[in-house]
Amino acid sequence: MGEALIGRLEAAVSRLEALSGGARGGLPDTTASAQDPAIVAFDDLVASALGRVSAAAGKIGADVAEVTGLVEKAFLVGKNLLVRTNQTQKPTMESVTTFMGPLNETILEANALAEGTRSIYANHLKAAAGSLAALAWIGYTGKGCGMPLPIAHVEESWQMAEFYSNKVLVEYKNKDPDHVDWAKALKELYVPNLRDYVKRYYPLGPVWQPPGSAINKAPSVPSAPSTSLSISSASSSQPKSGMSAVFAEISSGRPVTQGLRKVTDDMKSKNRTDKTGVVAAEGKETRNAHSFSSTKGPAKLELQMGRKWVVEHHVGNKSLIIEDCDTKQSVYVYGCKDCVLQVKGKVNNITIDKCTKVGVLFKGVVAACEIVNCNSAEVQCEGSVPTISIDNTSGCQLYLSKESLETSITTAKSSEINVLVPDANTDGDWAEHSLPQQYIHAFKDGQFTTSPVSHSGA
């Protein structure tokens, strides 16, 4: 058995080396790039971590082997692009789309294989195709390019692919270890391997040649129109550029199978004001009947990169609605005041950040609902939600349905948190429960014990 596995790994590595020789696209493999520690380490990553994915796919065959071949192709294209970054000036927001074109074509090819398929390996295909967006970190050109820092981008991109790889693990746990090996190897390829590689060699993105160097310039092309799903007139009037345009191109005509977004420390703020009551949902209006904006930026309600709904800087809009959403997408609500948002489908996760007097109603989430840096938030789940996290928030009303009573609620640095659940003794009424915000810490038997403060008559 061990010899057979070694043989498959050797065959996979040989195939990857052969592909590498033919995937340079006319770019000479210079001595400098061959000796570049970052490029050498990338070759090692491909040979080891990706080699394990390929070996497992070889045992399964069929569609799994085909989509894994596209993963191999994407990584080799990614190496090509990394070599080129050392020989190219940083592309403009417009020309980065052309620079990343070869990778985008491979991602589209994988998406076409995964989307709408009736294959019995549909989860394998979606996991592999969705994971390829992690390689887009190579196109990171700095703050404002439309994507997070490379390390965060790799982690976020894998999260949605993991949704499908977990399905493979569950389905084949007691049926076929080859599929389990493939799913585990795919995860390890990205987390920790690709993530740690980026962290070591490119934490702030690729190293481009400085302006004015006597080397190649990134190709410059006229800006091409990108498909925009923006609801806000303020944002839809602006053409997308840079990595936003890259992802728009990837998702146009074919949805990209990735999403999920978690709030990071740099998004958080403690500047909270206006501690008043929560708002209640009012009658619906058309989604774009009015354009609301705050003093901090234009109001947005748009789908970015085919995977994240962004709702920003709305003021007084009680009829915000997200309808065409699915479990591959996340929702990020930021800087809104006196608004109500309805999410009419199940999504991967929802984050509500630095909002005041907001109400959010949603069908359900796959991962978690996070409420951070908010004042007076009202959140209602009509389906299931595994985890609710409340951080640095003053005043929060949670309405849980019968399907969501098993949710885990985590609170930190927050006050006035009330949870309303269906009353078991009456029909249609809510029973209100206040979560403790004061604790007693007592030193006993050599350690501290913590218990919530109990108020009589509460």
Protein backbone atom coordinates (compact mmCIF):
# COMPACT_ATOMS: atom_id res chain seq x y z
CA MET A 1 0.00 0.00 0.00
CA GLY A 2 2.85 2.41 0.87
CA GLU A 3 4.68 1.67 -2.38
CA ALA A 4 1.51 2.26 -4.37
CA LEU A 5 0.98 5.65 -2.72
CA ILE A 6 4.59 6.64 -3.37
CA GLY A 7 4.16 5.63 -6.99
CA ARG A 8 1.07 7.80 -7.38
CA LEU A 9 2.82 10.74 -5.77
CA GLU A 10 5.81 10.34 -8.08
CA ALA A 11 3.51 10.19 -11.09
CA ALA A 12 1.65 13.31 -9.95
CA VAL A 13 4.91 15.21 -9.43
CA SER A 14 6.19 14.13 -12.84
CA ARG A 15 2.98 15.37 -14.45
CA LEU A 16 3.25 18.69 -12.64
CA GLU A 17 6.85 19.09 -13.75
CA ALA A 18 5.87 18.35 -17.33
CA LEU A 19 3.05 20.87 -17.16
CA SER A 20 5.40 23.43 -15.66
CA GLY A 21 7.70 23.07 -18.61
CA GLY A 22 4.91 23.76 -21.05
CA ALA A 23 3.02 26.43 -19.12
CA ARG A 24 5.54 29.23 -19.25
CA GLY A 25 3.73 30.93 -22.08
CA GLY A 26 6.95 32.02 -23.74
CA LEU A 27 8.39 33.55 -20.56
CA PRO A 28 12.03 32.49 -20.11
CA ASP A 29 12.78 30.77 -16.82
CA THR A 30 15.76 32.99 -16.05
CA THR A 31 18.53 32.02 -13.70
CA ALA A 32 17.39 34.76 -11.34
CA SER A 33 13.86 33.38 -11.06
CA ALA A 34 15.14 29.79 -10.81
CA GLN A 35 17.26 30.82 -7.83
CA ASP A 36 14.63 33.06 -6.23
CA PRO A 37 13.83 31.48 -2.83
CA ALA A 38 10.16 32.44 -3.19
CA ILE A 39 9.87 30.70 -6.57
CA VAL A 40 11.78 27.66 -5.35
CA ALA A 41 9.44 27.46 -2.36
CA PHE A 42 6.43 27.72 -4.66
CA ASP A 43 7.77 24.79 -6.70
CA ASP A 44 8.10 22.82 -3.47
CA LEU A 45 4.52 23.71 -2.56
CA VAL A 46 3.29 22.46 -5.92
CA ALA A 47 5.31 19.26 -5.76
CA SER A 48 4.34 18.35 -2.20
CA ALA A 49 0.96 19.78 -1.20
CA LEU A 50 -0.57 19.89 -4.67
CA GLY A 51 1.06 16.55 -5.47
CA ARG A 52 -0.95 14.95 -2.66
CA VAL A 53 -4.18 16.34 -4.06
CA SER A 54 -3.29 15.01 -7.50
CA ALA A 55 -2.36 11.59 -6.15
CA ALA A 56 -5.70 11.30 -4.33
CA ALA A 57 -7.58 12.48 -7.42
CA GLY A 58 -5.80 9.85 -9.48
CA LYS A 59 -7.28 7.13 -7.28
CA ILE A 60 -10.80 8.55 -7.74
CA GLY A 61 -10.56 9.44 -11.42
CA ALA A 62 -13.50 10.79 -13.47
CA ASP A 63 -14.57 14.40 -12.84
CA VAL A 64 -12.45 14.70 -9.71
CA ALA A 65 -9.28 14.03 -11.69
CA GLU A 66 -10.39 16.53 -14.35
CA VAL A 67 -11.06 19.38 -11.96
CA THR A 68 -7.85 18.62 -10.05
CA GLY A 69 -6.03 18.98 -13.34
CA LEU A 70 -7.41 22.51 -13.56
CA VAL A 71 -6.16 23.19 -10.03
CA GLU A 72 -2.72 22.05 -11.18
CA LYS A 73 -2.97 24.33 -14.21
CA ALA A 74 -4.02 27.31 -12.09
CA PHE A 75 -1.08 26.90 -9.71
CA LEU A 76 1.38 26.68 -12.59
CA VAL A 77 -0.14 29.79 -14.15
CA GLY A 78 0.21 31.40 -10.73
CA LYS A 79 3.92 30.57 -10.69
CA ASN A 80 4.25 32.17 -14.13
CA LEU A 81 2.64 35.35 -12.84
CA LEU A 82 4.91 35.44 -9.80
CA VAL A 83 7.97 35.19 -12.03
CA ARG A 84 6.60 38.02 -14.16
CA THR A 85 6.03 40.29 -11.14
CA ASN A 86 9.79 40.32 -10.57
CA GLN A 87 10.28 41.51 -14.15
CA THR A 88 7.34 43.89 -14.48
CA GLN A 89 6.38 47.28 -13.15
CA LYS A 90 3.30 47.33 -10.95
CA PRO A 91 0.23 47.32 -13.24
CA THR A 92 -2.33 50.08 -13.14
CA MET A 93 -5.84 49.52 -11.87
CA GLU A 94 -6.88 49.03 -15.48
CA SER A 95 -4.06 46.80 -16.73
CA VAL A 96 -4.09 44.39 -13.78
CA THR A 97 -7.10 42.68 -15.38
CA THR A 98 -5.01 41.90 -18.45
CA PHE A 99 -2.06 40.81 -16.31
CA MET A 100 -4.27 38.35 -14.41
CA GLY A 101 -6.03 37.19 -17.59
CA PRO A 102 -4.40 33.72 -17.81
CA LEU A 103 -5.42 32.89 -14.25
CA ASN A 104 -8.94 34.22 -14.78
CA GLU A 105 -9.33 32.00 -17.84
CA THR A 106 -8.39 28.92 -15.83
CA ILE A 107 -10.78 29.87 -13.01
CA LEU A 108 -13.59 30.33 -15.54
CA GLU A 109 -12.79 26.93 -16.99
CA ALA A 110 -13.08 25.33 -13.56
CA ASN A 111 -16.30 27.23 -12.81
CA ALA A 112 -17.82 26.05 -16.08
CA LEU A 113 -17.07 22.47 -15.06
CA ALA A 114 -18.54 22.93 -11.58
CA GLU A 115 -21.62 25.07 -12.20
CA GLY A 116 -24.83 23.40 -13.28
CA THR A 117 -23.25 19.96 -13.24
CA ARG A 118 -25.20 16.79 -12.51
CA SER A 119 -22.07 14.91 -11.63
CA ILE A 120 -22.17 12.68 -8.57
CA TYR A 121 -19.02 14.54 -7.61
CA ALA A 122 -20.63 17.99 -7.67
CA ASN A 123 -19.30 18.88 -4.21
CA HIS A 124 -15.78 17.94 -5.26
CA LEU A 125 -16.06 20.16 -8.34
CA LYS A 126 -17.41 23.14 -6.42
CA ALA A 127 -14.80 22.81 -3.70
CA ALA A 128 -11.94 22.72 -6.21
CA ALA A 129 -13.31 25.48 -8.46
CA GLY A 130 -14.17 27.71 -5.51
CA SER A 131 -10.72 27.33 -4.02
CA LEU A 132 -8.96 28.83 -7.05
CA ALA A 133 -9.96 32.38 -6.15
CA ALA A 134 -7.33 32.13 -3.41
CA LEU A 135 -4.66 32.52 -6.11
CA ALA A 136 -5.94 35.98 -7.01
CA TRP A 137 -3.73 37.38 -4.24
CA ILE A 138 -1.03 37.49 -6.90
CA GLY A 139 -2.85 40.49 -8.38
CA TYR A 140 -2.74 42.47 -5.13
CA THR A 141 -1.33 45.90 -5.97
CA GLY A 142 -1.89 47.71 -2.69
CA LYS A 143 -4.57 49.34 -0.59
CA GLY A 144 -7.63 50.25 -2.62
CA CYS A 145 -7.18 47.52 -5.23
CA GLY A 146 -10.47 45.86 -4.26
CA MET A 147 -9.23 42.94 -2.17
CA PRO A 148 -7.83 42.36 1.33
CA LEU A 149 -4.19 41.66 2.11
CA PRO A 150 -2.93 38.42 0.55
CA ILE A 151 -2.95 36.30 3.72
CA ALA A 152 -6.53 37.29 4.54
CA HIS A 153 -7.57 36.78 0.93
CA VAL A 154 -6.27 33.20 0.90
CA GLU A 155 -8.07 32.39 4.14
CA GLU A 156 -11.34 34.00 3.08
CA SER A 157 -11.32 32.37 -0.33
CA TRP A 158 -10.85 28.94 1.18
CA GLN A 159 -13.71 29.36 3.65
CA MET A 160 -16.39 29.03 0.99
CA ALA A 161 -14.64 26.19 -0.76
CA GLU A 162 -14.48 24.45 2.60
CA PHE A 163 -18.27 24.46 2.74
CA TYR A 164 -18.24 21.96 -0.13
CA SER A 165 -15.15 20.03 0.93
CA ASN A 166 -16.82 19.44 4.30
CA LYS A 167 -19.75 17.90 2.44
CA VAL A 168 -17.33 15.52 0.77
CA LEU A 169 -15.87 14.58 4.15
CA VAL A 170 -19.29 13.92 5.65
CA GLU A 171 -20.57 11.96 2.64
CA TYR A 172 -17.55 9.69 2.29
CA LYS A 173 -16.41 9.42 5.91
CA ASN A 174 -17.56 5.82 6.22
CA LYS A 175 -17.73 5.00 2.51
CA ASP A 176 -14.47 5.69 0.70
CA PRO A 177 -11.22 6.91 2.30
CA ASP A 178 -9.87 8.07 -1.08
CA HIS A 179 -12.41 10.89 -1.19
CA VAL A 180 -11.64 11.82 2.41
CA ASP A 181 -7.93 11.95 1.55
CA TRP A 182 -8.65 14.19 -1.44
CA ALA A 183 -10.76 16.66 0.58
CA LYS A 184 -8.18 16.82 3.36
CA ALA A 185 -5.33 17.29 0.90
CA LEU A 186 -7.21 20.08 -0.87
CA LYS A 187 -7.69 21.95 2.40
CA GLU A 188 -4.05 21.49 3.40
CA LEU A 189 -2.97 22.85 0.03
CA TYR A 190 -4.50 26.22 0.94
CA VAL A 191 -4.56 26.17 4.73
CA PRO A 192 -1.93 25.97 6.00
CA ASN A 193 0.39 25.54 2.99
CA LEU A 194 -0.48 28.40 0.61
CA ARG A 195 -1.40 30.70 3.49
CA ASP A 196 1.94 30.09 5.23
CA TYR A 197 3.80 30.48 1.95
CA VAL A 198 2.20 33.88 1.36
CA LYS A 199 2.81 34.87 4.97
CA ARG A 200 6.52 34.11 4.63
CA TYR A 201 7.30 35.49 1.17
CA TYR A 202 4.53 37.91 0.16
CA PRO A 203 2.64 39.21 3.23
CA LEU A 204 2.16 42.61 1.55
CA GLY A 205 1.71 41.29 -1.97
CA PRO A 206 4.07 40.60 -4.89
CA VAL A 207 7.29 42.55 -5.28
CA TRP A 208 7.06 44.56 -8.50
CA GLN A 209 9.82 46.41 -10.27
CA PRO A 210 9.96 50.10 -9.31
CA PRO A 211 8.73 52.74 -11.79
CA GLY A 212 11.33 53.82 -14.30
CA SER A 213 13.16 50.52 -14.29
CA ALA A 214 14.49 49.29 -17.62
CA ILE A 215 12.18 46.28 -17.63
CA ASN A 216 8.77 45.33 -18.96
CA LYS A 217 5.74 47.41 -18.23
CA ALA A 218 2.47 45.71 -17.43
CA PRO A 219 0.21 45.65 -20.49
CA SER A 220 -2.10 48.60 -20.69
CA VAL A 221 -5.51 48.25 -22.25
CA PRO A 222 -8.57 50.50 -22.43
CA SER A 223 -10.94 50.01 -19.56
CA ALA A 224 -13.60 47.45 -20.40
CA PRO A 225 -17.11 47.74 -19.02
CA SER A 226 -17.79 45.36 -16.16
CA THR A 227 -21.07 43.86 -15.15
CA SER A 228 -22.24 45.60 -11.99
CA LEU A 229 -24.88 44.28 -9.62
CA SER A 230 -24.98 47.53 -7.68
CA ILE A 231 -28.32 48.64 -6.30
CA SER A 232 -27.14 52.12 -5.36
CA SER A 233 -27.02 54.72 -8.07
CA ALA A 234 -24.03 56.27 -6.35
CA SER A 235 -21.95 53.11 -6.79
CA SER A 236 -23.33 51.75 -10.06
CA SER A 237 -22.33 54.90 -11.90
CA GLN A 238 -18.65 54.18 -11.19
CA PRO A 239 -16.95 51.62 -13.46
CA LYS A 240 -15.10 48.88 -11.66
CA SER A 241 -11.34 48.73 -11.92
CA GLY A 242 -8.41 46.79 -10.57
CA MET A 243 -9.14 43.51 -8.78
CA SER A 244 -12.83 44.42 -8.53
CA ALA A 245 -12.96 44.27 -12.31
CA VAL A 246 -11.02 41.01 -12.26
CA PHE A 247 -13.61 39.35 -10.07
CA ALA A 248 -16.46 40.95 -11.99
CA GLU A 249 -15.04 39.37 -15.14
CA ILE A 250 -14.75 36.00 -13.42
CA SER A 251 -18.33 36.11 -12.18
CA SER A 252 -20.00 37.53 -15.27
CA GLY A 253 -22.14 34.83 -16.80
CA ARG A 254 -20.89 32.22 -14.37
CA PRO A 255 -21.22 32.58 -10.59
CA VAL A 256 -17.98 32.11 -8.67
CA THR A 257 -18.20 29.52 -5.92
CA GLN A 258 -16.67 31.32 -3.03
CA GLY A 259 -17.52 33.85 -0.34
CA LEU A 260 -17.68 34.27 3.33
CA ARG A 261 -16.18 37.22 5.04
CA LYS A 262 -15.18 37.61 8.68
CA VAL A 263 -14.65 40.93 10.35
CA THR A 264 -11.02 41.71 11.13
CA ASP A 265 -9.51 43.84 13.89
CA ASP A 266 -8.69 46.71 11.56
CA MET A 267 -12.38 47.06 10.72
CA LYS A 268 -13.37 47.61 14.35
CA SER A 269 -13.94 50.98 16.00
CA LYS A 270 -14.92 52.11 19.46
CA ASN A 271 -16.38 55.47 18.38
CA ARG A 272 -19.97 54.72 19.21
CA THR A 273 -22.73 57.37 19.54
CA ASP A 274 -26.50 57.76 19.72
CA LYS A 275 -27.51 55.01 22.18
CA THR A 276 -31.21 54.99 21.42
CA GLY A 277 -33.84 52.34 20.78
CA VAL A 278 -33.99 49.87 17.93
CA VAL A 279 -36.03 50.38 14.79
CA ALA A 280 -38.89 48.23 13.63
CA ALA A 281 -39.38 46.99 10.07
CA GLU A 282 -41.86 49.01 8.05
CA GLY A 283 -43.66 48.41 4.78
CA LYS A 284 -41.54 47.46 1.79
CA GLU A 285 -40.76 49.84 -1.02
CA THR A 286 -38.92 49.24 -4.23
CA ARG A 287 -35.27 48.46 -3.62
CA ASN A 288 -33.91 51.52 -5.37
CA ALA A 289 -36.72 53.98 -4.78
CA HIS A 290 -34.40 56.40 -3.02
CA SER A 291 -30.67 56.96 -2.75
CA PHE A 292 -29.53 57.40 0.83
CA SER A 293 -26.00 58.40 1.75
CA SER A 294 -24.04 59.31 4.84
CA THR A 295 -21.36 61.90 5.30
CA LYS A 296 -18.69 59.18 5.29
CA GLY A 297 -19.20 57.83 1.78
CA PRO A 298 -21.69 56.88 -0.91
CA ALA A 299 -24.48 54.48 -0.06
CA LYS A 300 -23.90 51.00 -1.46
CA LEU A 301 -25.86 47.82 -1.84
CA GLU A 302 -23.93 45.65 -4.25
CA LEU A 303 -22.52 42.22 -4.86
CA GLN A 304 -18.73 42.37 -5.00
CA MET A 305 -16.55 39.75 -6.65
CA GLY A 306 -19.56 37.48 -7.00
CA ARG A 307 -19.34 36.45 -3.38
CA LYS A 308 -19.86 39.31 -0.89
CA TRP A 309 -22.87 41.58 -0.53
CA VAL A 310 -21.78 44.98 0.76
CA VAL A 311 -24.31 47.32 2.37
CA GLU A 312 -22.64 50.57 3.39
CA HIS A 313 -23.45 54.11 4.57
CA HIS A 314 -27.24 54.00 4.22
CA VAL A 315 -29.20 56.44 6.39
CA GLY A 316 -32.95 56.22 6.98
CA ASN A 317 -33.57 53.48 4.42
CA LYS A 318 -36.13 51.05 5.83
CA SER A 319 -36.51 49.00 2.63
CA LEU A 320 -33.08 47.51 1.93
CA ILE A 321 -33.54 44.06 0.43
CA ILE A 322 -31.13 41.36 -0.75
CA GLU A 323 -33.02 38.73 -2.75
CA ASP A 324 -30.72 36.91 -5.18
CA CYS A 325 -28.34 35.38 -2.66
CA ASP A 326 -27.16 31.90 -1.75
CA THR A 327 -24.95 29.99 0.67
CA LYS A 328 -21.84 30.80 -1.35
CA GLN A 329 -22.13 34.48 -0.45
CA SER A 330 -21.68 36.58 2.65
CA VAL A 331 -23.27 39.86 3.75
CA TYR A 332 -21.30 42.75 5.24
CA VAL A 333 -23.26 45.70 6.64
CA TYR A 334 -21.17 48.73 7.57
CA GLY A 335 -21.78 52.29 8.74
CA CYS A 336 -25.58 52.27 8.37
CA LYS A 337 -27.98 54.26 10.55
CA ASP A 338 -31.75 54.02 11.08
CA CYS A 339 -32.16 51.30 8.43
CA VAL A 340 -33.81 47.92 7.97
CA LEU A 341 -32.27 45.20 5.81
CA GLN A 342 -34.00 42.00 4.73
CA VAL A 343 -31.91 39.07 3.48
CA LYS A 344 -34.38 36.81 1.71
CA GLY A 345 -32.15 33.81 1.24
CA LYS A 346 -29.74 31.70 3.25
CA VAL A 347 -26.17 33.00 3.09
CA ASN A 348 -22.81 31.88 4.41
CA ASN A 349 -22.43 34.52 7.09
CA ILE A 350 -23.59 38.01 8.04
CA THR A 351 -21.49 40.74 9.68
CA ILE A 352 -23.00 43.97 11.01
CA ASP A 353 -20.24 46.47 11.78
CA LYS A 354 -20.37 50.00 13.24
CA CYS A 355 -24.10 50.52 12.69
CA THR A 356 -26.66 52.48 14.73
CA LYS A 357 -30.38 51.75 15.01
CA VAL A 358 -30.40 48.99 12.42
CA GLY A 359 -32.70 46.04 11.95
CA VAL A 360 -31.59 42.95 10.03
CA LEU A 361 -33.94 40.11 9.18
CA PHE A 362 -32.54 36.98 7.53
CA LYS A 363 -33.62 33.48 6.56
CA GLY A 364 -30.58 31.73 7.95
CA VAL A 365 -26.79 31.43 7.74
CA VAL A 366 -24.39 28.57 7.27
CA ALA A 367 -21.64 29.82 9.57
CA ALA A 368 -22.29 32.79 11.86
CA CYS A 369 -23.93 36.16 12.38
CA GLU A 370 -21.54 38.74 13.85
CA ILE A 371 -22.54 42.07 15.41
CA VAL A 372 -19.59 44.34 16.21
CA ASN A 373 -19.20 47.98 17.24
CA CYS A 374 -22.94 48.67 17.03
CA ASN A 375 -25.51 50.69 18.95
CA SER A 376 -29.13 49.55 19.13
CA ALA A 377 -29.22 46.63 16.72
CA GLU A 378 -32.22 44.39 16.16
CA VAL A 379 -31.54 41.04 14.51
CA GLN A 380 -34.09 38.38 13.66
CA CYS A 381 -33.37 34.91 12.32
CA GLU A 382 -36.23 33.09 10.62
CA GLY A 383 -34.29 29.87 10.07
CA SER A 384 -31.14 28.42 11.60
CA VAL A 385 -27.90 30.08 12.68
CA PRO A 386 -25.15 28.02 14.33
CA THR A 387 -23.34 30.92 16.00
CA ILE A 388 -24.09 34.52 16.94
CA SER A 389 -21.21 36.71 18.07
CA ILE A 390 -21.73 40.11 19.71
CA ASP A 391 -18.67 42.25 20.33
CA ASN A 392 -18.29 45.82 21.59
CA THR A 393 -22.01 46.52 21.15
CA SER A 394 -24.47 48.51 23.26
CA GLY A 395 -28.09 47.46 22.92
CA CYS A 396 -28.96 44.37 20.90
CA GLN A 397 -32.26 42.52 20.48
CA LEU A 398 -32.04 38.99 19.09
CA TYR A 399 -35.18 37.24 17.83
CA LEU A 400 -34.64 33.51 17.42
CA SER A 401 -36.99 31.15 15.62
CA LYS A 402 -37.68 27.60 16.79
CA GLU A 403 -35.10 26.38 14.26
CA SER A 404 -32.39 28.56 15.78
CA LEU A 405 -32.87 27.83 19.48
CA GLU A 406 -29.73 25.70 19.57
CA THR A 407 -27.53 28.57 18.43
CA SER A 408 -24.40 29.41 20.41
CA ILE A 409 -24.26 33.08 21.48
CA THR A 410 -20.92 34.68 22.36
CA THR A 411 -20.71 38.18 23.85
CA ALA A 412 -17.73 40.39 24.68
CA LYS A 413 -17.54 44.01 25.87
CA SER A 414 -21.29 44.38 25.24
CA SER A 415 -24.31 45.53 27.24
CA GLU A 416 -28.11 45.46 27.12
CA ILE A 417 -28.35 42.19 25.19
CA ASN A 418 -31.81 40.67 25.10
CA VAL A 419 -32.79 37.42 23.41
CA LEU A 420 -36.41 36.75 22.49
CA VAL A 421 -37.54 33.21 21.77
CA PRO A 422 -40.98 31.72 21.00
CA ASP A 423 -42.96 31.40 24.22
CA ALA A 424 -43.71 27.74 24.88
CA ASN A 425 -46.82 28.64 26.89
CA THR A 426 -48.53 30.87 24.34
CA ASP A 427 -49.03 30.83 20.60
CA GLY A 428 -47.11 33.50 18.67
CA ASP A 429 -45.71 35.34 21.68
CA TRP A 430 -42.08 35.91 22.55
CA ALA A 431 -40.34 35.17 25.83
CA GLU A 432 -37.59 37.67 26.61
CA HIS A 433 -34.30 36.72 28.27
CA SER A 434 -31.61 39.19 29.27
CA LEU A 435 -28.02 38.05 28.91
CA PRO A 436 -25.84 38.99 31.89
CA GLN A 437 -23.36 41.81 31.51
CA GLN A 438 -22.06 41.84 35.09
CA TYR A 439 -20.04 39.05 36.66
CA ILE A 440 -18.65 38.14 40.04
CA HIS A 441 -15.09 36.79 40.14
CA ALA A 442 -14.15 34.94 43.34
CA PHE A 443 -10.85 33.35 44.30
CA LYS A 444 -11.56 29.88 45.64
CA ASP A 445 -9.47 26.72 46.02
CA GLY A 446 -6.47 28.30 44.35
CA GLN A 447 -8.26 29.67 41.29
CA PHE A 448 -10.83 32.26 40.24
CA THR A 449 -14.41 31.26 39.57
CA THR A 450 -16.77 33.44 37.57
CA SER A 451 -20.55 33.64 37.78
CA PRO A 452 -23.11 36.16 36.46
CA VAL A 453 -24.68 38.66 38.82
CA SER A 454 -28.22 37.64 39.71
CA HIS A 455 -30.78 40.37 40.38
CA SER A 456 -33.85 39.38 42.32
CA GLY A 457 -37.09 40.12 40.57
CA ALA A 458 -35.37 40.36 37.17
